[in-house]
Amino acid sequence: RDVEDEEASLLPLEREVLDEYARLAGNLDDLSAILADLAAEPSVGILDALRGLERKTATVFTLLKASVYSIVLQQEIADGE
């Protein structure tokens, strides 16, 4: 009964704000459930994409190391002459 009296005494703007907060809380609950599902079972597509990215990153790293080694070696040869 007190809750009904309090709701009746709310201004329209106050009621609208409270309704928006309730809607926001519901949306956050939905988002939380979706994120929990995604975290529990990563999708196969994401895992495949990450594996491909890992391979490409490893290739780039190997090429970078080879380039740095080549530059250092060329400098040592030039310094030795």
PDB file of N, CA and C in Angstrom:
ATOM      1  N   ARG A   1       0.835  -1.200   0.000  1.00  0.00           N
ATOM      2  CA  ARG A   1       0.000   0.000   0.000  1.00  0.00           C
ATOM      3  C   ARG A   1       0.871   1.251   0.000  1.00  0.00           C
ATOM      4  N   ASP A   2       1.967   1.258   0.779  1.00  0.00           N
ATOM      5  CA  ASP A   2       2.866   2.410   0.820  1.00  0.00           C
ATOM      6  C   ASP A   2       3.549   2.625  -0.530  1.00  0.00           C
ATOM      7  N   VAL A   3       3.888   1.535  -1.202  1.00  0.00           N
ATOM      8  CA  VAL A   3       4.534   1.641  -2.511  1.00  0.00           C
ATOM      9  C   VAL A   3       3.585   2.300  -3.504  1.00  0.00           C
ATOM     10  N   GLU A   4       2.318   1.922  -3.450  1.00  0.00           N
ATOM     11  CA  GLU A   4       1.334   2.523  -4.350  1.00  0.00           C
ATOM     12  C   GLU A   4       1.194   4.014  -4.078  1.00  0.00           C
ATOM     13  N   ASP A   5       1.214   4.404  -2.794  1.00  0.00           N
ATOM     14  CA  ASP A   5       1.114   5.820  -2.437  1.00  0.00           C
ATOM     15  C   ASP A   5       2.338   6.587  -2.938  1.00  0.00           C
ATOM     16  N   GLU A   6       3.523   5.971  -2.787  1.00  0.00           N
ATOM     17  CA  GLU A   6       4.751   6.624  -3.246  1.00  0.00           C
ATOM     18  C   GLU A   6       4.750   6.772  -4.765  1.00  0.00           C
ATOM     19  N   GLU A   7       4.291   5.731  -5.467  1.00  0.00           N
ATOM     20  CA  GLU A   7       4.245   5.805  -6.928  1.00  0.00           C
ATOM     21  C   GLU A   7       3.252   6.866  -7.386  1.00  0.00           C
ATOM     22  N   ALA A   8       2.164   6.998  -6.679  1.00  0.00           N
ATOM     23  CA  ALA A   8       1.154   7.992  -7.047  1.00  0.00           C
ATOM     24  C   ALA A   8       1.672   9.406  -6.819  1.00  0.00           C
ATOM     25  N   SER A   9       2.580   9.584  -5.860  1.00  0.00           N
ATOM     26  CA  SER A   9       3.078  10.922  -5.555  1.00  0.00           C
ATOM     27  C   SER A   9       4.264  11.328  -6.434  1.00  0.00           C
ATOM     28  N   LEU A  10       4.729  10.437  -7.300  1.00  0.00           N
ATOM     29  CA  LEU A  10       5.854  10.761  -8.174  1.00  0.00           C
ATOM     30  C   LEU A  10       5.424  11.714  -9.280  1.00  0.00           C
ATOM     31  N   LEU A  11       6.316  12.616  -9.605  1.00  0.00           N
ATOM     32  CA  LEU A  11       6.086  13.485 -10.752  1.00  0.00           C
ATOM     33  C   LEU A  11       6.271  12.661 -12.023  1.00  0.00           C
ATOM     34  N   PRO A  12       5.656  13.068 -13.115  1.00  0.00           N
ATOM     35  CA  PRO A  12       5.815  12.304 -14.369  1.00  0.00           C
ATOM     36  C   PRO A  12       7.282  12.139 -14.779  1.00  0.00           C
ATOM     37  N   LEU A  13       8.079  13.182 -14.592  1.00  0.00           N
ATOM     38  CA  LEU A  13       9.494  13.089 -14.948  1.00  0.00           C
ATOM     39  C   LEU A  13      10.213  12.075 -14.054  1.00  0.00           C
ATOM     40  N   GLU A  14       9.890  12.070 -12.764  1.00  0.00           N
ATOM     41  CA  GLU A  14      10.501  11.101 -11.845  1.00  0.00           C
ATOM     42  C   GLU A  14      10.119   9.675 -12.238  1.00  0.00           C
ATOM     43  N   ARG A  15       8.859   9.480 -12.582  1.00  0.00           N
ATOM     44  CA  ARG A  15       8.395   8.155 -13.000  1.00  0.00           C
ATOM     45  C   ARG A  15       9.122   7.726 -14.279  1.00  0.00           C
ATOM     46  N   GLU A  16       9.287   8.676 -15.216  1.00  0.00           N
ATOM     47  CA  GLU A  16       9.971   8.371 -16.471  1.00  0.00           C
ATOM     48  C   GLU A  16      11.432   7.996 -16.220  1.00  0.00           C
ATOM     49  N   VAL A  17      12.087   8.722 -15.327  1.00  0.00           N
ATOM     50  CA  VAL A  17      13.487   8.419 -14.998  1.00  0.00           C
ATOM     51  C   VAL A  17      13.593   7.035 -14.364  1.00  0.00           C
ATOM     52  N   LEU A  18      12.708   6.720 -13.448  1.00  0.00           N
ATOM     53  CA  LEU A  18      12.731   5.401 -12.806  1.00  0.00           C
ATOM     54  C   LEU A  18      12.460   4.289 -13.814  1.00  0.00           C
ATOM     55  N   ASP A  19      11.547   4.543 -14.748  1.00  0.00           N
ATOM     56  CA  ASP A  19      11.277   3.548 -15.795  1.00  0.00           C
ATOM     57  C   ASP A  19      12.510   3.327 -16.669  1.00  0.00           C
ATOM     58  N   GLU A  20      13.203   4.416 -16.995  1.00  0.00           N
ATOM     59  CA  GLU A  20      14.424   4.291 -17.802  1.00  0.00           C
ATOM     60  C   GLU A  20      15.494   3.508 -17.042  1.00  0.00           C
ATOM     61  N   TYR A  21      15.640   3.766 -15.749  1.00  0.00           N
ATOM     62  CA  TYR A  21      16.595   3.003 -14.939  1.00  0.00           C
ATOM     63  C   TYR A  21      16.238   1.522 -14.917  1.00  0.00           C
ATOM     64  N   ALA A  22      14.954   1.223 -14.812  1.00  0.00           N
ATOM     65  CA  ALA A  22      14.519  -0.180 -14.819  1.00  0.00           C
ATOM     66  C   ALA A  22      14.824  -0.821 -16.164  1.00  0.00           C
ATOM     67  N   ARG A  23      14.585  -0.094 -17.260  1.00  0.00           N
ATOM     68  CA  ARG A  23      14.887  -0.610 -18.591  1.00  0.00           C
ATOM     69  C   ARG A  23      16.392  -0.817 -18.757  1.00  0.00           C
ATOM     70  N   LEU A  24      17.185   0.133 -18.266  1.00  0.00           N
ATOM     71  CA  LEU A  24      18.640   0.027 -18.336  1.00  0.00           C
ATOM     72  C   LEU A  24      19.132  -1.180 -17.548  1.00  0.00           C
ATOM     73  N   ALA A  25      18.576  -1.392 -16.368  1.00  0.00           N
ATOM     74  CA  ALA A  25      18.968  -2.552 -15.561  1.00  0.00           C
ATOM     75  C   ALA A  25      18.651  -3.851 -16.296  1.00  0.00           C
ATOM     76  N   GLY A  26      17.506  -3.913 -16.941  1.00  0.00           N
ATOM     77  CA  GLY A  26      17.152  -5.103 -17.719  1.00  0.00           C
ATOM     78  C   GLY A  26      18.100  -5.321 -18.885  1.00  0.00           C
ATOM     79  N   ASN A  27      18.442  -4.233 -19.592  1.00  0.00           N
ATOM     80  CA  ASN A  27      19.383  -4.348 -20.713  1.00  0.00           C
ATOM     81  C   ASN A  27      20.759  -4.801 -20.239  1.00  0.00           C
ATOM     82  N   LEU A  28      21.204  -4.282 -19.098  1.00  0.00           N
ATOM     83  CA  LEU A  28      22.500  -4.690 -18.557  1.00  0.00           C
ATOM     84  C   LEU A  28      22.491  -6.155 -18.143  1.00  0.00           C
ATOM     85  N   ASP A  29      21.379  -6.615 -17.608  1.00  0.00           N
ATOM     86  CA  ASP A  29      21.262  -8.038 -17.272  1.00  0.00           C
ATOM     87  C   ASP A  29      21.347  -8.899 -18.529  1.00  0.00           C
ATOM     88  N   ASP A  30      20.661  -8.471 -19.590  1.00  0.00           N
ATOM     89  CA  ASP A  30      20.723  -9.206 -20.862  1.00  0.00           C
ATOM     90  C   ASP A  30      22.143  -9.231 -21.411  1.00  0.00           C
ATOM     91  N   LEU A  31      22.800  -8.080 -21.385  1.00  0.00           N
ATOM     92  CA  LEU A  31      24.173  -7.987 -21.873  1.00  0.00           C
ATOM     93  C   LEU A  31      25.103  -8.865 -21.055  1.00  0.00           C
ATOM     94  N   SER A  32      24.915  -8.874 -19.760  1.00  0.00           N
ATOM     95  CA  SER A  32      25.740  -9.706 -18.884  1.00  0.00           C
ATOM     96  C   SER A  32      25.577 -11.182 -19.213  1.00  0.00           C
ATOM     97  N   ALA A  33      24.355 -11.604 -19.479  1.00  0.00           N
ATOM     98  CA  ALA A  33      24.109 -13.007 -19.826  1.00  0.00           C
ATOM     99  C   ALA A  33      24.758 -13.361 -21.159  1.00  0.00           C
ATOM    100  N   ILE A  34      24.660 -12.462 -22.132  1.00  0.00           N
ATOM    101  CA  ILE A  34      25.276 -12.715 -23.443  1.00  0.00           C
ATOM    102  C   ILE A  34      26.789 -12.792 -23.316  1.00  0.00           C
ATOM    103  N   LEU A  35      27.380 -11.872 -22.570  1.00  0.00           N
ATOM    104  CA  LEU A  35      28.833 -11.881 -22.385  1.00  0.00           C
ATOM    105  C   LEU A  35      29.294 -13.124 -21.641  1.00  0.00           C
ATOM    106  N   ALA A  36      28.513 -13.576 -20.684  1.00  0.00           N
ATOM    107  CA  ALA A  36      28.864 -14.805 -19.965  1.00  0.00           C
ATOM    108  C   ALA A  36      28.855 -15.995 -20.916  1.00  0.00           C
ATOM    109  N   ASP A  37      27.863 -16.054 -21.803  1.00  0.00           N
ATOM    110  CA  ASP A  37      27.815 -17.137 -22.796  1.00  0.00           C
ATOM    111  C   ASP A  37      29.016 -17.082 -23.730  1.00  0.00           C
ATOM    112  N   LEU A  38      29.364 -15.885 -24.198  1.00  0.00           N
ATOM    113  CA  LEU A  38      30.509 -15.742 -25.097  1.00  0.00           C
ATOM    114  C   LEU A  38      31.813 -16.122 -24.405  1.00  0.00           C
ATOM    115  N   ALA A  39      31.942 -15.753 -23.150  1.00  0.00           N
ATOM    116  CA  ALA A  39      33.171 -16.066 -22.412  1.00  0.00           C
ATOM    117  C   ALA A  39      33.273 -17.557 -22.126  1.00  0.00           C
ATOM    118  N   ALA A  40      32.146 -18.206 -21.931  1.00  0.00           N
ATOM    119  CA  ALA A  40      32.157 -19.633 -21.603  1.00  0.00           C
ATOM    120  C   ALA A  40      32.495 -20.487 -22.815  1.00  0.00           C
ATOM    121  N   GLU A  41      32.026 -20.095 -23.988  1.00  0.00           N
ATOM    122  CA  GLU A  41      32.240 -20.887 -25.197  1.00  0.00           C
ATOM    123  C   GLU A  41      32.659 -19.980 -26.346  1.00  0.00           C
ATOM    124  N   PRO A  42      33.971 -19.746 -26.485  1.00  0.00           N
ATOM    125  CA  PRO A  42      34.412 -18.903 -27.605  1.00  0.00           C
ATOM    126  C   PRO A  42      33.998 -19.527 -28.939  1.00  0.00           C
ATOM    127  N   SER A  43      33.607 -18.708 -29.863  1.00  0.00           N
ATOM    128  CA  SER A  43      33.134 -19.242 -31.138  1.00  0.00           C
ATOM    129  C   SER A  43      34.287 -19.810 -31.947  1.00  0.00           C
ATOM    130  N   VAL A  44      33.975 -20.805 -32.743  1.00  0.00           N
ATOM    131  CA  VAL A  44      34.970 -21.467 -33.583  1.00  0.00           C
ATOM    132  C   VAL A  44      35.563 -20.464 -34.568  1.00  0.00           C
ATOM    133  N   GLY A  45      34.730 -19.594 -35.093  1.00  0.00           N
ATOM    134  CA  GLY A  45      35.207 -18.595 -36.045  1.00  0.00           C
ATOM    135  C   GLY A  45      36.256 -17.676 -35.448  1.00  0.00           C
ATOM    136  N   ILE A  46      36.018 -17.240 -34.219  1.00  0.00           N
ATOM    137  CA  ILE A  46      36.984 -16.364 -33.552  1.00  0.00           C
ATOM    138  C   ILE A  46      38.290 -17.106 -33.318  1.00  0.00           C
ATOM    139  N   LEU A  47      38.198 -18.348 -32.871  1.00  0.00           N
ATOM    140  CA  LEU A  47      39.412 -19.129 -32.626  1.00  0.00           C
ATOM    141  C   LEU A  47      40.200 -19.352 -33.909  1.00  0.00           C
ATOM    142  N   ASP A  48      39.515 -19.663 -35.007  1.00  0.00           N
ATOM    143  CA  ASP A  48      40.198 -19.851 -36.291  1.00  0.00           C
ATOM    144  C   ASP A  48      40.875 -18.561 -36.744  1.00  0.00           C
ATOM    145  N   ALA A  49      40.180 -17.446 -36.583  1.00  0.00           N
ATOM    146  CA  ALA A  49      40.753 -16.157 -36.977  1.00  0.00           C
ATOM    147  C   ALA A  49      41.984 -15.835 -36.133  1.00  0.00           C
ATOM    148  N   LEU A  50      41.911 -16.137 -34.846  1.00  0.00           N
ATOM    149  CA  LEU A  50      43.058 -15.875 -33.974  1.00  0.00           C
ATOM    150  C   LEU A  50      44.239 -16.764 -34.330  1.00  0.00           C
ATOM    151  N   ARG A  51      43.972 -18.013 -34.713  1.00  0.00           N
ATOM    152  CA  ARG A  51      45.065 -18.906 -35.135  1.00  0.00           C
ATOM    153  C   ARG A  51      45.741 -18.364 -36.390  1.00  0.00           C
ATOM    154  N   GLY A  52      44.937 -17.915 -37.348  1.00  0.00           N
ATOM    155  CA  GLY A  52      45.501 -17.328 -38.564  1.00  0.00           C
ATOM    156  C   GLY A  52      46.318 -16.084 -38.260  1.00  0.00           C
ATOM    157  N   LEU A  53      45.807 -15.254 -37.373  1.00  0.00           N
ATOM    158  CA  LEU A  53      46.529 -14.050 -36.975  1.00  0.00           C
ATOM    159  C   LEU A  53      47.839 -14.407 -36.283  1.00  0.00           C
ATOM    160  N   GLU A  54      47.805 -15.441 -35.468  1.00  0.00           N
ATOM    161  CA  GLU A  54      49.017 -15.887 -34.779  1.00  0.00           C
ATOM    162  C   GLU A  54      50.075 -16.340 -35.789  1.00  0.00           C
ATOM    163  N   ARG A  55      49.663 -17.079 -36.807  1.00  0.00           N
ATOM    164  CA  ARG A  55      50.609 -17.530 -37.842  1.00  0.00           C
ATOM    165  C   ARG A  55      51.205 -16.341 -38.591  1.00  0.00           C
ATOM    166  N   LYS A  56      50.360 -15.388 -38.960  1.00  0.00           N
ATOM    167  CA  LYS A  56      50.853 -14.214 -39.678  1.00  0.00           C
ATOM    168  C   LYS A  56      51.808 -13.403 -38.810  1.00  0.00           C
ATOM    169  N   THR A  57      51.478 -13.257 -37.538  1.00  0.00           N
ATOM    170  CA  THR A  57      52.343 -12.520 -36.624  1.00  0.00           C
ATOM    171  C   THR A  57      53.687 -13.211 -36.484  1.00  0.00           C
ATOM    172  N   ALA A  58      53.682 -14.527 -36.379  1.00  0.00           N
ATOM    173  CA  ALA A  58      54.933 -15.280 -36.270  1.00  0.00           C
ATOM    174  C   ALA A  58      55.773 -15.107 -37.529  1.00  0.00           C
ATOM    175  N   THR A  59      55.134 -15.100 -38.692  1.00  0.00           N
ATOM    176  CA  THR A  59      55.860 -14.906 -39.955  1.00  0.00           C
ATOM    177  C   THR A  59      56.489 -13.516 -40.012  1.00  0.00           C
ATOM    178  N   VAL A  60      55.723 -12.506 -39.644  1.00  0.00           N
ATOM    179  CA  VAL A  60      56.245 -11.134 -39.649  1.00  0.00           C
ATOM    180  C   VAL A  60      57.404 -11.012 -38.668  1.00  0.00           C
ATOM    181  N   PHE A  61      57.291 -11.613 -37.503  1.00  0.00           N
ATOM    182  CA  PHE A  61      58.358 -11.557 -36.503  1.00  0.00           C
ATOM    183  C   PHE A  61      59.624 -12.222 -37.033  1.00  0.00           C
ATOM    184  N   THR A  62      59.469 -13.365 -37.686  1.00  0.00           N
ATOM    185  CA  THR A  62      60.623 -14.069 -38.259  1.00  0.00           C
ATOM    186  C   THR A  62      61.297 -13.214 -39.327  1.00  0.00           C
ATOM    187  N   LEU A  63      60.505 -12.599 -40.201  1.00  0.00           N
ATOM    188  CA  LEU A  63      61.065 -11.731 -41.238  1.00  0.00           C
ATOM    189  C   LEU A  63      61.756 -10.513 -40.630  1.00  0.00           C
ATOM    190  N   LEU A  64      61.192  -9.965 -39.585  1.00  0.00           N
ATOM    191  CA  LEU A  64      61.802  -8.823 -38.910  1.00  0.00           C
ATOM    192  C   LEU A  64      63.146  -9.206 -38.301  1.00  0.00           C
ATOM    193  N   LYS A  65      63.189 -10.359 -37.633  1.00  0.00           N
ATOM    194  CA  LYS A  65      64.458 -10.819 -37.050  1.00  0.00           C
ATOM    195  C   LYS A  65      65.505 -11.021 -38.133  1.00  0.00           C
ATOM    196  N   ALA A  66      65.108 -11.617 -39.258  1.00  0.00           N
ATOM    197  CA  ALA A  66      66.049 -11.848 -40.354  1.00  0.00           C
ATOM    198  C   ALA A  66      66.559 -10.521 -40.912  1.00  0.00           C
ATOM    199  N   SER A  67      65.692  -9.533 -41.033  1.00  0.00           N
ATOM    200  CA  SER A  67      66.098  -8.224 -41.544  1.00  0.00           C
ATOM    201  C   SER A  67      67.075  -7.544 -40.598  1.00  0.00           C
ATOM    202  N   VAL A  68      66.785  -7.590 -39.318  1.00  0.00           N
ATOM    203  CA  VAL A  68      67.682  -6.984 -38.324  1.00  0.00           C
ATOM    204  C   VAL A  68      69.024  -7.698 -38.342  1.00  0.00           C
ATOM    205  N   TYR A  69      69.012  -9.017 -38.401  1.00  0.00           N
ATOM    206  CA  TYR A  69      70.260  -9.789 -38.449  1.00  0.00           C
ATOM    207  C   TYR A  69      71.061  -9.411 -39.689  1.00  0.00           C
ATOM    208  N   SER A  70      70.393  -9.257 -40.828  1.00  0.00           N
ATOM    209  CA  SER A  70      71.063  -8.895 -42.074  1.00  0.00           C
ATOM    210  C   SER A  70      71.706  -7.513 -41.962  1.00  0.00           C
ATOM    211  N   ILE A  71      70.999  -6.563 -41.383  1.00  0.00           N
ATOM    212  CA  ILE A  71      71.539  -5.205 -41.218  1.00  0.00           C
ATOM    213  C   ILE A  71      72.756  -5.224 -40.303  1.00  0.00           C
ATOM    214  N   VAL A  72      72.661  -5.934 -39.183  1.00  0.00           N
ATOM    215  CA  VAL A  72      73.782  -6.024 -38.245  1.00  0.00           C
ATOM    216  C   VAL A  72      74.974  -6.681 -38.920  1.00  0.00           C
ATOM    217  N   LEU A  73      74.737  -7.744 -39.654  1.00  0.00           N
ATOM    218  CA  LEU A  73      75.815  -8.451 -40.346  1.00  0.00           C
ATOM    219  C   LEU A  73      76.476  -7.549 -41.393  1.00  0.00           C
ATOM    220  N   GLN A  74      75.678  -6.798 -42.144  1.00  0.00           N
ATOM    221  CA  GLN A  74      76.231  -5.883 -43.144  1.00  0.00           C
ATOM    222  C   GLN A  74      77.081  -4.793 -42.487  1.00  0.00           C
ATOM    223  N   GLN A  75      76.638  -4.304 -41.327  1.00  0.00           N
ATOM    224  CA  GLN A  75      77.411  -3.282 -40.619  1.00  0.00           C
ATOM    225  C   GLN A  75      78.732  -3.853 -40.115  1.00  0.00           C
ATOM    226  N   GLU A  76      78.706  -5.086 -39.614  1.00  0.00           N
ATOM    227  CA  GLU A  76      79.934  -5.716 -39.129  1.00  0.00           C
ATOM    228  C   GLU A  76      80.914  -5.932 -40.277  1.00  0.00           C
ATOM    229  N   ILE A  77      80.391  -6.337 -41.429  1.00  0.00           N
ATOM    230  CA  ILE A  77      81.256  -6.540 -42.602  1.00  0.00           C
ATOM    231  C   ILE A  77      81.849  -5.204 -43.045  1.00  0.00           C
ATOM    232  N   ALA A  78      81.019  -4.159 -43.058  1.00  0.00           N
ATOM    233  CA  ALA A  78      81.496  -2.833 -43.468  1.00  0.00           C
ATOM    234  C   ALA A  78      82.529  -2.299 -42.482  1.00  0.00           C
ATOM    235  N   ASP A  79      82.329  -2.542 -41.189  1.00  0.00           N
ATOM    236  CA  ASP A  79      83.283  -2.087 -40.173  1.00  0.00           C
ATOM    237  C   ASP A  79      84.589  -2.862 -40.254  1.00  0.00           C
ATOM    238  N   GLY A  80      84.537  -4.105 -40.688  1.00  0.00           N
ATOM    239  CA  GLY A  80      85.719  -4.954 -40.775  1.00  0.00           C
ATOM    240  C   GLY A  80      86.601  -4.607 -41.957  1.00  0.00           C
ATOM    241  N   GLU A  81      86.073  -3.919 -42.942  1.00  0.00           N
ATOM    242  CA  GLU A  81      86.864  -3.607 -44.139  1.00  0.00           C
ATOM    243  C   GLU A  81      87.713  -2.415 -43.971  1.00  0.00           C
TER     244      GLU A  81
END
